[in-house]
Amino acid sequence: FSKDKILEAAFVSDKFDIYAVLLIGAVLTA
């Protein structure tokens, strides 16, 4: 729920570069 909201906020705000970095961070964490 926390990662979902953070990724959603970055995606909705049209900041795709930030979204990509956050997504890579989430994948590396897993």
mmCIF file of all heavy atoms, coordinates in Angstrom:
data_MODEL
# 
_entry.id   MODEL 
# 
loop_
_atom_site.group_PDB 
_atom_site.id 
_atom_site.type_symbol 
_atom_site.label_atom_id 
_atom_site.label_alt_id 
_atom_site.label_comp_id 
_atom_site.label_asym_id 
_atom_site.label_entity_id 
_atom_site.label_seq_id 
_atom_site.pdbx_PDB_ins_code 
_atom_site.Cartn_x 
_atom_site.Cartn_y 
_atom_site.Cartn_z 
_atom_site.occupancy 
_atom_site.B_iso_or_equiv 
_atom_site.pdbx_formal_charge 
_atom_site.auth_seq_id 
_atom_site.auth_comp_id 
_atom_site.auth_asym_id 
_atom_site.auth_atom_id 
_atom_site.pdbx_PDB_model_num 
ATOM 1   N N   . PHE A 1 1  ? 0.822  -1.211 0.000   1.00 0.00 ? 1  PHE A N   1 
ATOM 2   C CA  . PHE A 1 1  ? 0.000  0.000  0.000   1.00 0.00 ? 1  PHE A CA  1 
ATOM 3   C C   . PHE A 1 1  ? 0.857  1.263  0.000   1.00 0.00 ? 1  PHE A C   1 
ATOM 4   O O   . PHE A 1 1  ? 0.520  2.245  -0.659  1.00 0.00 ? 1  PHE A O   1 
ATOM 5   C CB  . PHE A 1 1  ? -0.953 -0.022 1.192   1.00 0.00 ? 1  PHE A CB  1 
ATOM 6   C CG  . PHE A 1 1  ? -1.923 -1.165 1.125   1.00 0.00 ? 1  PHE A CG  1 
ATOM 7   C CD1 . PHE A 1 1  ? -1.776 -2.261 1.950   1.00 0.00 ? 1  PHE A CD1 1 
ATOM 8   C CD2 . PHE A 1 1  ? -2.955 -1.151 0.209   1.00 0.00 ? 1  PHE A CD2 1 
ATOM 9   C CE1 . PHE A 1 1  ? -2.662 -3.327 1.875   1.00 0.00 ? 1  PHE A CE1 1 
ATOM 10  C CE2 . PHE A 1 1  ? -3.846 -2.214 0.125   1.00 0.00 ? 1  PHE A CE2 1 
ATOM 11  C CZ  . PHE A 1 1  ? -3.688 -3.302 0.958   1.00 0.00 ? 1  PHE A CZ  1 
ATOM 12  N N   . SER A 1 2  ? 1.975  1.257  0.720   1.00 0.00 ? 2  SER A N   1 
ATOM 13  C CA  . SER A 1 2  ? 2.826  2.448  0.733   1.00 0.00 ? 2  SER A CA  1 
ATOM 14  C C   . SER A 1 2  ? 3.533  2.624  -0.611  1.00 0.00 ? 2  SER A C   1 
ATOM 15  O O   . SER A 1 2  ? 3.570  3.725  -1.155  1.00 0.00 ? 2  SER A O   1 
ATOM 16  C CB  . SER A 1 2  ? 3.832  2.369  1.876   1.00 0.00 ? 2  SER A CB  1 
ATOM 17  O OG  . SER A 1 2  ? 4.699  1.275  1.713   1.00 0.00 ? 2  SER A OG  1 
ATOM 18  N N   . LYS A 1 3  ? 4.091  1.547  -1.157  1.00 0.00 ? 3  LYS A N   1 
ATOM 19  C CA  . LYS A 1 3  ? 4.768  1.661  -2.449  1.00 0.00 ? 3  LYS A CA  1 
ATOM 20  C C   . LYS A 1 3  ? 3.781  1.983  -3.556  1.00 0.00 ? 3  LYS A C   1 
ATOM 21  O O   . LYS A 1 3  ? 4.086  2.743  -4.473  1.00 0.00 ? 3  LYS A O   1 
ATOM 22  C CB  . LYS A 1 3  ? 5.515  0.368  -2.774  1.00 0.00 ? 3  LYS A CB  1 
ATOM 23  C CG  . LYS A 1 3  ? 6.763  0.202  -1.963  1.00 0.00 ? 3  LYS A CG  1 
ATOM 24  C CD  . LYS A 1 3  ? 7.518  -1.032 -2.362  1.00 0.00 ? 3  LYS A CD  1 
ATOM 25  C CE  . LYS A 1 3  ? 8.722  -1.137 -1.446  1.00 0.00 ? 3  LYS A CE  1 
ATOM 26  N NZ  . LYS A 1 3  ? 9.594  -2.200 -1.765  1.00 0.00 ? 3  LYS A NZ  1 
ATOM 27  N N   . ASP A 1 4  ? 2.609  1.402  -3.481  1.00 0.00 ? 4  ASP A N   1 
ATOM 28  C CA  . ASP A 1 4  ? 1.588  1.640  -4.499  1.00 0.00 ? 4  ASP A CA  1 
ATOM 29  C C   . ASP A 1 4  ? 1.213  3.116  -4.549  1.00 0.00 ? 4  ASP A C   1 
ATOM 30  O O   . ASP A 1 4  ? 1.131  3.703  -5.627  1.00 0.00 ? 4  ASP A O   1 
ATOM 31  C CB  . ASP A 1 4  ? 0.361  0.779  -4.193  1.00 0.00 ? 4  ASP A CB  1 
ATOM 32  C CG  . ASP A 1 4  ? -0.709 0.913  -5.247  1.00 0.00 ? 4  ASP A CG  1 
ATOM 33  O OD1 . ASP A 1 4  ? -0.368 0.823  -6.436  1.00 0.00 ? 4  ASP A OD1 1 
ATOM 34  O OD2 . ASP A 1 4  ? -1.887 1.102  -4.872  1.00 0.00 ? 4  ASP A OD2 1 
ATOM 35  N N   . LYS A 1 5  ? 0.994  3.730  -3.411  1.00 0.00 ? 5  LYS A N   1 
ATOM 36  C CA  . LYS A 1 5  ? 0.607  5.149  -3.382  1.00 0.00 ? 5  LYS A CA  1 
ATOM 37  C C   . LYS A 1 5  ? 1.734  6.061  -3.859  1.00 0.00 ? 5  LYS A C   1 
ATOM 38  O O   . LYS A 1 5  ? 1.491  7.036  -4.563  1.00 0.00 ? 5  LYS A O   1 
ATOM 39  C CB  . LYS A 1 5  ? 0.171  5.555  -1.963  1.00 0.00 ? 5  LYS A CB  1 
ATOM 40  C CG  . LYS A 1 5  ? -1.157 4.984  -1.571  1.00 0.00 ? 5  LYS A CG  1 
ATOM 41  C CD  . LYS A 1 5  ? -2.236 5.540  -2.478  1.00 0.00 ? 5  LYS A CD  1 
ATOM 42  C CE  . LYS A 1 5  ? -3.580 4.967  -2.110  1.00 0.00 ? 5  LYS A CE  1 
ATOM 43  N NZ  . LYS A 1 5  ? -4.614 5.360  -3.060  1.00 0.00 ? 5  LYS A NZ  1 
ATOM 44  N N   . ILE A 1 6  ? 2.957  5.750  -3.468  1.00 0.00 ? 6  ILE A N   1 
ATOM 45  C CA  . ILE A 1 6  ? 4.084  6.576  -3.892  1.00 0.00 ? 6  ILE A CA  1 
ATOM 46  C C   . ILE A 1 6  ? 4.280  6.476  -5.404  1.00 0.00 ? 6  ILE A C   1 
ATOM 47  O O   . ILE A 1 6  ? 4.461  7.486  -6.095  1.00 0.00 ? 6  ILE A O   1 
ATOM 48  C CB  . ILE A 1 6  ? 5.366  6.181  -3.132  1.00 0.00 ? 6  ILE A CB  1 
ATOM 49  C CG1 . ILE A 1 6  ? 5.223  6.529  -1.652  1.00 0.00 ? 6  ILE A CG1 1 
ATOM 50  C CG2 . ILE A 1 6  ? 6.588  6.861  -3.730  1.00 0.00 ? 6  ILE A CG2 1 
ATOM 51  C CD1 . ILE A 1 6  ? 6.305  5.955  -0.780  1.00 0.00 ? 6  ILE A CD1 1 
ATOM 52  N N   . LEU A 1 7  ? 4.233  5.250  -5.934  1.00 0.00 ? 7  LEU A N   1 
ATOM 53  C CA  . LEU A 1 7  ? 4.378  5.066  -7.384  1.00 0.00 ? 7  LEU A CA  1 
ATOM 54  C C   . LEU A 1 7  ? 3.213  5.698  -8.136  1.00 0.00 ? 7  LEU A C   1 
ATOM 55  O O   . LEU A 1 7  ? 3.403  6.302  -9.198  1.00 0.00 ? 7  LEU A O   1 
ATOM 56  C CB  . LEU A 1 7  ? 4.487  3.585  -7.718  1.00 0.00 ? 7  LEU A CB  1 
ATOM 57  C CG  . LEU A 1 7  ? 5.806  2.912  -7.335  1.00 0.00 ? 7  LEU A CG  1 
ATOM 58  C CD1 . LEU A 1 7  ? 5.702  1.408  -7.485  1.00 0.00 ? 7  LEU A CD1 1 
ATOM 59  C CD2 . LEU A 1 7  ? 6.935  3.456  -8.170  1.00 0.00 ? 7  LEU A CD2 1 
ATOM 60  N N   . GLU A 1 8  ? 2.022  5.585  -7.584  1.00 0.00 ? 8  GLU A N   1 
ATOM 61  C CA  . GLU A 1 8  ? 0.847  6.191  -8.220  1.00 0.00 ? 8  GLU A CA  1 
ATOM 62  C C   . GLU A 1 8  ? 0.964  7.707  -8.271  1.00 0.00 ? 8  GLU A C   1 
ATOM 63  O O   . GLU A 1 8  ? 0.663  8.324  -9.302  1.00 0.00 ? 8  GLU A O   1 
ATOM 64  C CB  . GLU A 1 8  ? -0.410 5.790  -7.459  1.00 0.00 ? 8  GLU A CB  1 
ATOM 65  C CG  . GLU A 1 8  ? -1.677 6.398  -8.009  1.00 0.00 ? 8  GLU A CG  1 
ATOM 66  C CD  . GLU A 1 8  ? -2.890 6.109  -7.139  1.00 0.00 ? 8  GLU A CD  1 
ATOM 67  O OE1 . GLU A 1 8  ? -2.765 5.420  -6.115  1.00 0.00 ? 8  GLU A OE1 1 
ATOM 68  O OE2 . GLU A 1 8  ? -3.962 6.617  -7.489  1.00 0.00 ? 8  GLU A OE2 1 
ATOM 69  N N   . ALA A 1 9  ? 1.411  8.312  -7.177  1.00 0.00 ? 9  ALA A N   1 
ATOM 70  C CA  . ALA A 1 9  ? 1.548  9.768  -7.142  1.00 0.00 ? 9  ALA A CA  1 
ATOM 71  C C   . ALA A 1 9  ? 2.575  10.254 -8.167  1.00 0.00 ? 9  ALA A C   1 
ATOM 72  O O   . ALA A 1 9  ? 2.367  11.272 -8.833  1.00 0.00 ? 9  ALA A O   1 
ATOM 73  C CB  . ALA A 1 9  ? 1.942  10.225 -5.745  1.00 0.00 ? 9  ALA A CB  1 
ATOM 74  N N   . ALA A 1 10 ? 3.679  9.520  -8.305  1.00 0.00 ? 10 ALA A N   1 
ATOM 75  C CA  . ALA A 1 10 ? 4.693  9.909  -9.285  1.00 0.00 ? 10 ALA A CA  1 
ATOM 76  C C   . ALA A 1 10 ? 4.182  9.721  -10.711 1.00 0.00 ? 10 ALA A C   1 
ATOM 77  O O   . ALA A 1 10 ? 4.467  10.534 -11.592 1.00 0.00 ? 10 ALA A O   1 
ATOM 78  C CB  . ALA A 1 10 ? 5.968  9.101  -9.072  1.00 0.00 ? 10 ALA A CB  1 
ATOM 79  N N   . PHE A 1 11 ? 3.417  8.675  -10.956 1.00 0.00 ? 11 PHE A N   1 
ATOM 80  C CA  . PHE A 1 11 ? 2.902  8.397  -12.292 1.00 0.00 ? 11 PHE A CA  1 
ATOM 81  C C   . PHE A 1 11 ? 1.843  9.421  -12.704 1.00 0.00 ? 11 PHE A C   1 
ATOM 82  O O   . PHE A 1 11 ? 1.853  9.923  -13.824 1.00 0.00 ? 11 PHE A O   1 
ATOM 83  C CB  . PHE A 1 11 ? 2.324  6.984  -12.341 1.00 0.00 ? 11 PHE A CB  1 
ATOM 84  C CG  . PHE A 1 11 ? 1.908  6.553  -13.709 1.00 0.00 ? 11 PHE A CG  1 
ATOM 85  C CD1 . PHE A 1 11 ? 2.853  6.153  -14.633 1.00 0.00 ? 11 PHE A CD1 1 
ATOM 86  C CD2 . PHE A 1 11 ? 0.573  6.538  -14.070 1.00 0.00 ? 11 PHE A CD2 1 
ATOM 87  C CE1 . PHE A 1 11 ? 2.490  5.746  -15.895 1.00 0.00 ? 11 PHE A CE1 1 
ATOM 88  C CE2 . PHE A 1 11 ? 0.193  6.139  -15.333 1.00 0.00 ? 11 PHE A CE2 1 
ATOM 89  C CZ  . PHE A 1 11 ? 1.151  5.739  -16.258 1.00 0.00 ? 11 PHE A CZ  1 
ATOM 90  N N   . VAL A 1 12 ? 0.945  9.740  -11.779 1.00 0.00 ? 12 VAL A N   1 
ATOM 91  C CA  . VAL A 1 12 ? -0.152 10.668 -12.077 1.00 0.00 ? 12 VAL A CA  1 
ATOM 92  C C   . VAL A 1 12 ? 0.370  12.086 -12.293 1.00 0.00 ? 12 VAL A C   1 
ATOM 93  O O   . VAL A 1 12 ? -0.197 12.846 -13.074 1.00 0.00 ? 12 VAL A O   1 
ATOM 94  C CB  . VAL A 1 12 ? -1.207 10.627 -10.945 1.00 0.00 ? 12 VAL A CB  1 
ATOM 95  C CG1 . VAL A 1 12 ? -2.236 11.727 -11.093 1.00 0.00 ? 12 VAL A CG1 1 
ATOM 96  C CG2 . VAL A 1 12 ? -1.874 9.267  -10.916 1.00 0.00 ? 12 VAL A CG2 1 
ATOM 97  N N   . SER A 1 13 ? 1.444  12.452 -11.634 1.00 0.00 ? 13 SER A N   1 
ATOM 98  C CA  . SER A 1 13 ? 1.967  13.813 -11.766 1.00 0.00 ? 13 SER A CA  1 
ATOM 99  C C   . SER A 1 13 ? 2.799  14.000 -13.038 1.00 0.00 ? 13 SER A C   1 
ATOM 100 O O   . SER A 1 13 ? 3.436  15.042 -13.196 1.00 0.00 ? 13 SER A O   1 
ATOM 101 C CB  . SER A 1 13 ? 2.809  14.169 -10.544 1.00 0.00 ? 13 SER A CB  1 
ATOM 102 O OG  . SER A 1 13 ? 3.980  13.388 -10.515 1.00 0.00 ? 13 SER A OG  1 
ATOM 103 N N   . ASP A 1 14 ? 2.790  13.015 -13.919 1.00 0.00 ? 14 ASP A N   1 
ATOM 104 C CA  . ASP A 1 14 ? 3.519  13.073 -15.190 1.00 0.00 ? 14 ASP A CA  1 
ATOM 105 C C   . ASP A 1 14 ? 5.023  13.252 -15.015 1.00 0.00 ? 14 ASP A C   1 
ATOM 106 O O   . ASP A 1 14 ? 5.696  13.836 -15.865 1.00 0.00 ? 14 ASP A O   1 
ATOM 107 C CB  . ASP A 1 14 ? 2.964  14.179 -16.096 1.00 0.00 ? 14 ASP A CB  1 
ATOM 108 C CG  . ASP A 1 14 ? 1.538  13.890 -16.530 1.00 0.00 ? 14 ASP A CG  1 
ATOM 109 O OD1 . ASP A 1 14 ? 1.188  12.695 -16.648 1.00 0.00 ? 14 ASP A OD1 1 
ATOM 110 O OD2 . ASP A 1 14 ? 0.778  14.852 -16.750 1.00 0.00 ? 14 ASP A OD2 1 
ATOM 111 N N   . LYS A 1 15 ? 5.538  12.780 -13.930 1.00 0.00 ? 15 LYS A N   1 
ATOM 112 C CA  . LYS A 1 15 ? 6.983  12.790 -13.689 1.00 0.00 ? 15 LYS A CA  1 
ATOM 113 C C   . LYS A 1 15 ? 7.507  11.373 -13.951 1.00 0.00 ? 15 LYS A C   1 
ATOM 114 O O   . LYS A 1 15 ? 7.804  10.614 -13.042 1.00 0.00 ? 15 LYS A O   1 
ATOM 115 C CB  . LYS A 1 15 ? 7.291  13.198 -12.249 1.00 0.00 ? 15 LYS A CB  1 
ATOM 116 C CG  . LYS A 1 15 ? 6.676  14.491 -11.818 1.00 0.00 ? 15 LYS A CG  1 
ATOM 117 C CD  . LYS A 1 15 ? 7.598  15.627 -12.124 1.00 0.00 ? 15 LYS A CD  1 
ATOM 118 C CE  . LYS A 1 15 ? 7.057  16.854 -11.428 1.00 0.00 ? 15 LYS A CE  1 
ATOM 119 N NZ  . LYS A 1 15 ? 7.135  18.042 -12.151 1.00 0.00 ? 15 LYS A NZ  1 
ATOM 120 N N   . PHE A 1 16 ? 7.610  11.017 -15.215 1.00 0.00 ? 16 PHE A N   1 
ATOM 121 C CA  . PHE A 1 16 ? 7.946  9.649  -15.575 1.00 0.00 ? 16 PHE A CA  1 
ATOM 122 C C   . PHE A 1 16 ? 9.391  9.286  -15.246 1.00 0.00 ? 16 PHE A C   1 
ATOM 123 O O   . PHE A 1 16 ? 9.688  8.113  -15.010 1.00 0.00 ? 16 PHE A O   1 
ATOM 124 C CB  . PHE A 1 16 ? 7.650  9.401  -17.046 1.00 0.00 ? 16 PHE A CB  1 
ATOM 125 C CG  . PHE A 1 16 ? 6.184  9.486  -17.352 1.00 0.00 ? 16 PHE A CG  1 
ATOM 126 C CD1 . PHE A 1 16 ? 5.687  10.500 -18.143 1.00 0.00 ? 16 PHE A CD1 1 
ATOM 127 C CD2 . PHE A 1 16 ? 5.296  8.560  -16.822 1.00 0.00 ? 16 PHE A CD2 1 
ATOM 128 C CE1 . PHE A 1 16 ? 4.339  10.584 -18.418 1.00 0.00 ? 16 PHE A CE1 1 
ATOM 129 C CE2 . PHE A 1 16 ? 3.944  8.631  -17.085 1.00 0.00 ? 16 PHE A CE2 1 
ATOM 130 C CZ  . PHE A 1 16 ? 3.459  9.645  -17.883 1.00 0.00 ? 16 PHE A CZ  1 
ATOM 131 N N   . ASP A 1 17 ? 10.278 10.264 -15.205 1.00 0.00 ? 17 ASP A N   1 
ATOM 132 C CA  . ASP A 1 17 ? 11.651 9.967  -14.813 1.00 0.00 ? 17 ASP A CA  1 
ATOM 133 C C   . ASP A 1 17 ? 11.721 9.597  -13.330 1.00 0.00 ? 17 ASP A C   1 
ATOM 134 O O   . ASP A 1 17 ? 12.412 8.643  -12.964 1.00 0.00 ? 17 ASP A O   1 
ATOM 135 C CB  . ASP A 1 17 ? 12.575 11.137 -15.136 1.00 0.00 ? 17 ASP A CB  1 
ATOM 136 C CG  . ASP A 1 17 ? 12.078 12.470 -14.592 1.00 0.00 ? 17 ASP A CG  1 
ATOM 137 O OD1 . ASP A 1 17 ? 10.891 12.561 -14.219 1.00 0.00 ? 17 ASP A OD1 1 
ATOM 138 O OD2 . ASP A 1 17 ? 12.872 13.427 -14.555 1.00 0.00 ? 17 ASP A OD2 1 
ATOM 139 N N   . ILE A 1 18 ? 10.994 10.318 -12.500 1.00 0.00 ? 18 ILE A N   1 
ATOM 140 C CA  . ILE A 1 18 ? 10.942 9.989  -11.077 1.00 0.00 ? 18 ILE A CA  1 
ATOM 141 C C   . ILE A 1 18 ? 10.244 8.651  -10.879 1.00 0.00 ? 18 ILE A C   1 
ATOM 142 O O   . ILE A 1 18 ? 10.676 7.823  -10.066 1.00 0.00 ? 18 ILE A O   1 
ATOM 143 C CB  . ILE A 1 18 ? 10.245 11.111 -10.284 1.00 0.00 ? 18 ILE A CB  1 
ATOM 144 C CG1 . ILE A 1 18 ? 11.098 12.379 -10.341 1.00 0.00 ? 18 ILE A CG1 1 
ATOM 145 C CG2 . ILE A 1 18 ? 10.002 10.688 -8.842  1.00 0.00 ? 18 ILE A CG2 1 
ATOM 146 C CD1 . ILE A 1 18 ? 10.459 13.585 -9.718  1.00 0.00 ? 18 ILE A CD1 1 
ATOM 147 N N   . TYR A 1 19 ? 9.183  8.422  -11.630 1.00 0.00 ? 19 TYR A N   1 
ATOM 148 C CA  . TYR A 1 19 ? 8.466  7.151  -11.550 1.00 0.00 ? 19 TYR A CA  1 
ATOM 149 C C   . TYR A 1 19 ? 9.398  5.982  -11.905 1.00 0.00 ? 19 TYR A C   1 
ATOM 150 O O   . TYR A 1 19 ? 9.394  4.959  -11.223 1.00 0.00 ? 19 TYR A O   1 
ATOM 151 C CB  . TYR A 1 19 ? 7.256  7.174  -12.486 1.00 0.00 ? 19 TYR A CB  1 
ATOM 152 C CG  . TYR A 1 19 ? 6.538  5.852  -12.570 1.00 0.00 ? 19 TYR A CG  1 
ATOM 153 C CD1 . TYR A 1 19 ? 5.728  5.427  -11.532 1.00 0.00 ? 19 TYR A CD1 1 
ATOM 154 C CD2 . TYR A 1 19 ? 6.678  5.026  -13.682 1.00 0.00 ? 19 TYR A CD2 1 
ATOM 155 C CE1 . TYR A 1 19 ? 5.062  4.209  -11.592 1.00 0.00 ? 19 TYR A CE1 1 
ATOM 156 C CE2 . TYR A 1 19 ? 6.019  3.812  -13.752 1.00 0.00 ? 19 TYR A CE2 1 
ATOM 157 C CZ  . TYR A 1 19 ? 5.216  3.415  -12.707 1.00 0.00 ? 19 TYR A CZ  1 
ATOM 158 O OH  . TYR A 1 19 ? 4.574  2.205  -12.767 1.00 0.00 ? 19 TYR A OH  1 
ATOM 159 N N   . ALA A 1 20 ? 10.198 6.145  -12.928 1.00 0.00 ? 20 ALA A N   1 
ATOM 160 C CA  . ALA A 1 20 ? 11.112 5.080  -13.348 1.00 0.00 ? 20 ALA A CA  1 
ATOM 161 C C   . ALA A 1 20 ? 12.148 4.780  -12.267 1.00 0.00 ? 20 ALA A C   1 
ATOM 162 O O   . ALA A 1 20 ? 12.436 3.616  -11.975 1.00 0.00 ? 20 ALA A O   1 
ATOM 163 C CB  . ALA A 1 20 ? 11.804 5.464  -14.651 1.00 0.00 ? 20 ALA A CB  1 
ATOM 164 N N   . VAL A 1 21 ? 12.686 5.821  -11.662 1.00 0.00 ? 21 VAL A N   1 
ATOM 165 C CA  . VAL A 1 21 ? 13.672 5.633  -10.596 1.00 0.00 ? 21 VAL A CA  1 
ATOM 166 C C   . VAL A 1 21 ? 13.022 4.935  -9.395  1.00 0.00 ? 21 VAL A C   1 
ATOM 167 O O   . VAL A 1 21 ? 13.618 4.022  -8.811  1.00 0.00 ? 21 VAL A O   1 
ATOM 168 C CB  . VAL A 1 21 ? 14.290 6.992  -10.184 1.00 0.00 ? 21 VAL A CB  1 
ATOM 169 C CG1 . VAL A 1 21 ? 15.123 6.862  -8.928  1.00 0.00 ? 21 VAL A CG1 1 
ATOM 170 C CG2 . VAL A 1 21 ? 15.111 7.560  -11.318 1.00 0.00 ? 21 VAL A CG2 1 
ATOM 171 N N   . LEU A 1 22 ? 11.821 5.355  -9.025  1.00 0.00 ? 22 LEU A N   1 
ATOM 172 C CA  . LEU A 1 22 ? 11.121 4.719  -7.914  1.00 0.00 ? 22 LEU A CA  1 
ATOM 173 C C   . LEU A 1 22 ? 10.784 3.262  -8.212  1.00 0.00 ? 22 LEU A C   1 
ATOM 174 O O   . LEU A 1 22 ? 10.898 2.396  -7.335  1.00 0.00 ? 22 LEU A O   1 
ATOM 175 C CB  . LEU A 1 22 ? 9.845  5.494  -7.584  1.00 0.00 ? 22 LEU A CB  1 
ATOM 176 C CG  . LEU A 1 22 ? 10.027 6.877  -6.988  1.00 0.00 ? 22 LEU A CG  1 
ATOM 177 C CD1 . LEU A 1 22 ? 8.687  7.588  -6.891  1.00 0.00 ? 22 LEU A CD1 1 
ATOM 178 C CD2 . LEU A 1 22 ? 10.677 6.787  -5.627  1.00 0.00 ? 22 LEU A CD2 1 
ATOM 179 N N   . LEU A 1 23 ? 10.386 2.983  -9.429  1.00 0.00 ? 23 LEU A N   1 
ATOM 180 C CA  . LEU A 1 23 ? 10.065 1.614  -9.824  1.00 0.00 ? 23 LEU A CA  1 
ATOM 181 C C   . LEU A 1 23 ? 11.310 0.727  -9.795  1.00 0.00 ? 23 LEU A C   1 
ATOM 182 O O   . LEU A 1 23 ? 11.259 -0.404 -9.304  1.00 0.00 ? 23 LEU A O   1 
ATOM 183 C CB  . LEU A 1 23 ? 9.427  1.600  -11.209 1.00 0.00 ? 23 LEU A CB  1 
ATOM 184 C CG  . LEU A 1 23 ? 8.863  0.267  -11.677 1.00 0.00 ? 23 LEU A CG  1 
ATOM 185 C CD1 . LEU A 1 23 ? 7.740  -0.182 -10.747 1.00 0.00 ? 23 LEU A CD1 1 
ATOM 186 C CD2 . LEU A 1 23 ? 8.353  0.389  -13.101 1.00 0.00 ? 23 LEU A CD2 1 
ATOM 187 N N   . ILE A 1 24 ? 12.419 1.244  -10.285 1.00 0.00 ? 24 ILE A N   1 
ATOM 188 C CA  . ILE A 1 24 ? 13.677 0.489  -10.226 1.00 0.00 ? 24 ILE A CA  1 
ATOM 189 C C   . ILE A 1 24 ? 14.073 0.238  -8.776  1.00 0.00 ? 24 ILE A C   1 
ATOM 190 O O   . ILE A 1 24 ? 14.519 -0.859 -8.425  1.00 0.00 ? 24 ILE A O   1 
ATOM 191 C CB  . ILE A 1 24 ? 14.782 1.236  -10.999 1.00 0.00 ? 24 ILE A CB  1 
ATOM 192 C CG1 . ILE A 1 24 ? 14.502 1.188  -12.493 1.00 0.00 ? 24 ILE A CG1 1 
ATOM 193 C CG2 . ILE A 1 24 ? 16.158 0.645  -10.707 1.00 0.00 ? 24 ILE A CG2 1 
ATOM 194 C CD1 . ILE A 1 24 ? 15.367 2.106  -13.311 1.00 0.00 ? 24 ILE A CD1 1 
ATOM 195 N N   . GLY A 1 25 ? 13.898 1.225  -7.921  1.00 0.00 ? 25 GLY A N   1 
ATOM 196 C CA  . GLY A 1 25 ? 14.190 1.048  -6.499  1.00 0.00 ? 25 GLY A CA  1 
ATOM 197 C C   . GLY A 1 25 ? 13.319 -0.019 -5.861  1.00 0.00 ? 25 GLY A C   1 
ATOM 198 O O   . GLY A 1 25 ? 13.788 -0.824 -5.045  1.00 0.00 ? 25 GLY A O   1 
ATOM 199 N N   . ALA A 1 26 ? 12.044 -0.060 -6.234  1.00 0.00 ? 26 ALA A N   1 
ATOM 200 C CA  . ALA A 1 26 ? 11.141 -1.074 -5.697  1.00 0.00 ? 26 ALA A CA  1 
ATOM 201 C C   . ALA A 1 26 ? 11.537 -2.471 -6.158  1.00 0.00 ? 26 ALA A C   1 
ATOM 202 O O   . ALA A 1 26 ? 11.521 -3.428 -5.382  1.00 0.00 ? 26 ALA A O   1 
ATOM 203 C CB  . ALA A 1 26 ? 9.705  -0.763 -6.115  1.00 0.00 ? 26 ALA A CB  1 
ATOM 204 N N   . VAL A 1 27 ? 11.922 -2.587 -7.413  1.00 0.00 ? 27 VAL A N   1 
ATOM 205 C CA  . VAL A 1 27 ? 12.346 -3.889 -7.940  1.00 0.00 ? 27 VAL A CA  1 
ATOM 206 C C   . VAL A 1 27 ? 13.643 -4.343 -7.271  1.00 0.00 ? 27 VAL A C   1 
ATOM 207 O O   . VAL A 1 27 ? 13.790 -5.513 -6.901  1.00 0.00 ? 27 VAL A O   1 
ATOM 208 C CB  . VAL A 1 27 ? 12.501 -3.822 -9.475  1.00 0.00 ? 27 VAL A CB  1 
ATOM 209 C CG1 . VAL A 1 27 ? 13.175 -5.056 -10.021 1.00 0.00 ? 27 VAL A CG1 1 
ATOM 210 C CG2 . VAL A 1 27 ? 11.146 -3.628 -10.123 1.00 0.00 ? 27 VAL A CG2 1 
ATOM 211 N N   . LEU A 1 28 ? 14.588 -3.432 -7.101  1.00 0.00 ? 28 LEU A N   1 
ATOM 212 C CA  . LEU A 1 28 ? 15.850 -3.788 -6.437  1.00 0.00 ? 28 LEU A CA  1 
ATOM 213 C C   . LEU A 1 28 ? 15.629 -4.168 -4.977  1.00 0.00 ? 28 LEU A C   1 
ATOM 214 O O   . LEU A 1 28 ? 16.319 -5.057 -4.455  1.00 0.00 ? 28 LEU A O   1 
ATOM 215 C CB  . LEU A 1 28 ? 16.846 -2.635 -6.555  1.00 0.00 ? 28 LEU A CB  1 
ATOM 216 C CG  . LEU A 1 28 ? 17.438 -2.422 -7.939  1.00 0.00 ? 28 LEU A CG  1 
ATOM 217 C CD1 . LEU A 1 28 ? 18.337 -1.193 -7.952  1.00 0.00 ? 28 LEU A CD1 1 
ATOM 218 C CD2 . LEU A 1 28 ? 18.205 -3.646 -8.391  1.00 0.00 ? 28 LEU A CD2 1 
ATOM 219 N N   . THR A 1 29 ? 14.692 -3.515 -4.303  1.00 0.00 ? 29 THR A N   1 
ATOM 220 C CA  . THR A 1 29 ? 14.367 -3.876 -2.926  1.00 0.00 ? 29 THR A CA  1 
ATOM 221 C C   . THR A 1 29 ? 13.856 -5.308 -2.844  1.00 0.00 ? 29 THR A C   1 
ATOM 222 O O   . THR A 1 29 ? 14.268 -6.079 -1.978  1.00 0.00 ? 29 THR A O   1 
ATOM 223 C CB  . THR A 1 29 ? 13.320 -2.914 -2.343  1.00 0.00 ? 29 THR A CB  1 
ATOM 224 O OG1 . THR A 1 29 ? 13.829 -1.584 -2.394  1.00 0.00 ? 29 THR A OG1 1 
ATOM 225 C CG2 . THR A 1 29 ? 12.992 -3.264 -0.905  1.00 0.00 ? 29 THR A CG2 1 
ATOM 226 N N   . ALA A 1 30 ? 12.978 -5.679 -3.747  1.00 0.00 ? 30 ALA A N   1 
ATOM 227 C CA  . ALA A 1 30 ? 12.471 -7.051 -3.779  1.00 0.00 ? 30 ALA A CA  1 
ATOM 228 C C   . ALA A 1 30 ? 13.607 -8.026 -4.074  1.00 0.00 ? 30 ALA A C   1 
ATOM 229 O O   . ALA A 1 30 ? 13.700 -9.092 -3.453  1.00 0.00 ? 30 ALA A O   1 
ATOM 230 C CB  . ALA A 1 30 ? 11.374 -7.176 -4.828  1.00 0.00 ? 30 ALA A CB  1 
# 
